[in-house]
C-alpha atoms as a PDB file:
ATOM      1  CA  MET A   1     128.442 106.296 109.073  1.00  0.00           C
ATOM      2  CA  THR A   2     126.359 103.283 110.140  1.00  0.00           C
ATOM      3  CA  THR A   3     125.327 100.411 107.886  1.00  0.00           C
ATOM      4  CA  LEU A   4     121.563  99.908 108.016  1.00  0.00           C
ATOM      5  CA  VAL A   5     121.109  97.378 105.195  1.00  0.00           C
ATOM      6  CA  GLY A   6     123.345  94.876 103.490  1.00  0.00           C
ATOM      7  CA  ASN A   7     126.092  92.403 104.298  1.00  0.00           C
ATOM      8  CA  GLY A   8     128.631  93.781 101.823  1.00  0.00           C
ATOM      9  CA  ASN A   9     127.963  91.189  99.105  1.00  0.00           C
ATOM     10  CA  GLY A  10     126.221  92.114  95.881  1.00  0.00           C
ATOM     11  CA  GLY A  11     123.075  90.106  95.280  1.00  0.00           C
ATOM     12  CA  HIS A  12     119.318  89.834  95.667  1.00  0.00           C
ATOM     13  CA  ILE A  13     118.752  88.185  99.037  1.00  0.00           C
ATOM     14  CA  ASP A  14     116.080  89.380 101.437  1.00  0.00           C
ATOM     15  CA  HIS A  15     116.499  88.590 105.096  1.00  0.00           C
ATOM     16  CA  ASP A  16     114.646  89.297 108.348  1.00  0.00           C
ATOM     17  CA  ASP A  17     117.870  90.887 109.605  1.00  0.00           C
ATOM     18  CA  PRO A  18     118.547  93.830 107.243  1.00  0.00           C
ATOM     19  CA  LEU A  19     122.298  93.478 107.827  1.00  0.00           C
ATOM     20  CA  GLN A  20     122.181  90.001 106.268  1.00  0.00           C
ATOM     21  CA  ALA A  21     120.395  91.132 103.075  1.00  0.00           C
ATOM     22  CA  GLU A  22     122.225  91.541  99.796  1.00  0.00           C
ATOM     23  CA  ILE A  23     121.817  94.616  97.610  1.00  0.00           C
ATOM     24  CA  TYR A  24     122.939  94.394  93.979  1.00  0.00           C
ATOM     25  CA  GLY A  25     123.012  97.939  92.709  1.00  0.00           C
ATOM     26  CA  MET A  26     121.478 100.610  94.921  1.00  0.00           C
ATOM     27  CA  GLU A  27     120.135 103.391  92.735  1.00  0.00           C
ATOM     28  CA  GLY A  28     118.164 105.441  95.239  1.00  0.00           C
ATOM     29  CA  VAL A  29     117.134 105.703  98.857  1.00  0.00           C
ATOM     30  CA  THR A  30     114.537 107.627 100.845  1.00  0.00           C
ATOM     31  CA  ILE A  31     113.220 107.587 104.371  1.00  0.00           C
ATOM     32  CA  THR A  32     109.648 108.358 105.344  1.00  0.00           C
ATOM     33  CA  PRO A  33     109.069 111.619 107.245  1.00  0.00           C
ATOM     34  CA  ASP A  34     108.413 109.730 110.511  1.00  0.00           C
ATOM     35  CA  GLY A  35     111.825 108.035 110.163  1.00  0.00           C
ATOM     36  CA  LYS A  36     110.375 104.523 110.564  1.00  0.00           C
ATOM     37  CA  THR A  37     110.715 103.122 107.023  1.00  0.00           C
ATOM     38  CA  MET A  38     113.469 103.265 104.394  1.00  0.00           C
ATOM     39  CA  PHE A  39     112.875 102.501 100.738  1.00  0.00           C
ATOM     40  CA  LEU A  40     115.807 101.369  98.538  1.00  0.00           C
ATOM     41  CA  ALA A  41     115.764 101.254  94.768  1.00  0.00           C
ATOM     42  CA  ASP A  42     117.889  98.203  93.920  1.00  0.00           C
ATOM     43  CA  GLY A  43     118.739  97.908  90.242  1.00  0.00           C
ATOM     44  CA  GLY A  44     121.249  96.616  87.745  1.00  0.00           C
ATOM     45  CA  ARG A  45     124.225  98.970  88.293  1.00  0.00           C
ATOM     46  CA  GLY A  46     123.619 100.319  84.817  1.00  0.00           C
ATOM     47  CA  GLU A  47     123.818  96.858  83.278  1.00  0.00           C
ATOM     48  CA  ASP A  48     121.203  95.636  80.809  1.00  0.00           C
ATOM     49  CA  VAL A  49     119.432  93.266  83.163  1.00  0.00           C
ATOM     50  CA  PRO A  50     115.664  92.625  83.445  1.00  0.00           C
ATOM     51  CA  PHE A  51     115.106  93.483  87.111  1.00  0.00           C
ATOM     52  CA  ASN A  52     114.573  96.316  89.522  1.00  0.00           C
ATOM     53  CA  PHE A  53     113.487  95.966  93.134  1.00  0.00           C
ATOM     54  CA  ILE A  54     112.123  98.262  95.786  1.00  0.00           C
ATOM     55  CA  ARG A  55     113.397  97.126  99.138  1.00  0.00           C
ATOM     56  CA  ILE A  56     111.462  98.173 102.244  1.00  0.00           C
ATOM     57  CA  VAL A  57     113.358  98.352 105.557  1.00  0.00           C
ATOM     58  CA  LYS A  58     111.677  99.031 108.899  1.00  0.00           C
ATOM     59  CA  LEU A  59     113.963 101.239 110.998  1.00  0.00           C
END
């Protein structure tokens, strides 16, 4: 297994280097058919919080 996104800390930090970004509660992931883009659904880990993000990562 290879880490493509995230530094291991939970949070909401975007970064030019995907390995320095912080993901709070990944709820879904998909990769485009050409394999060049990954979409992450980053949510609240089931908590009642007012946010959801779609993270876009160029592979």
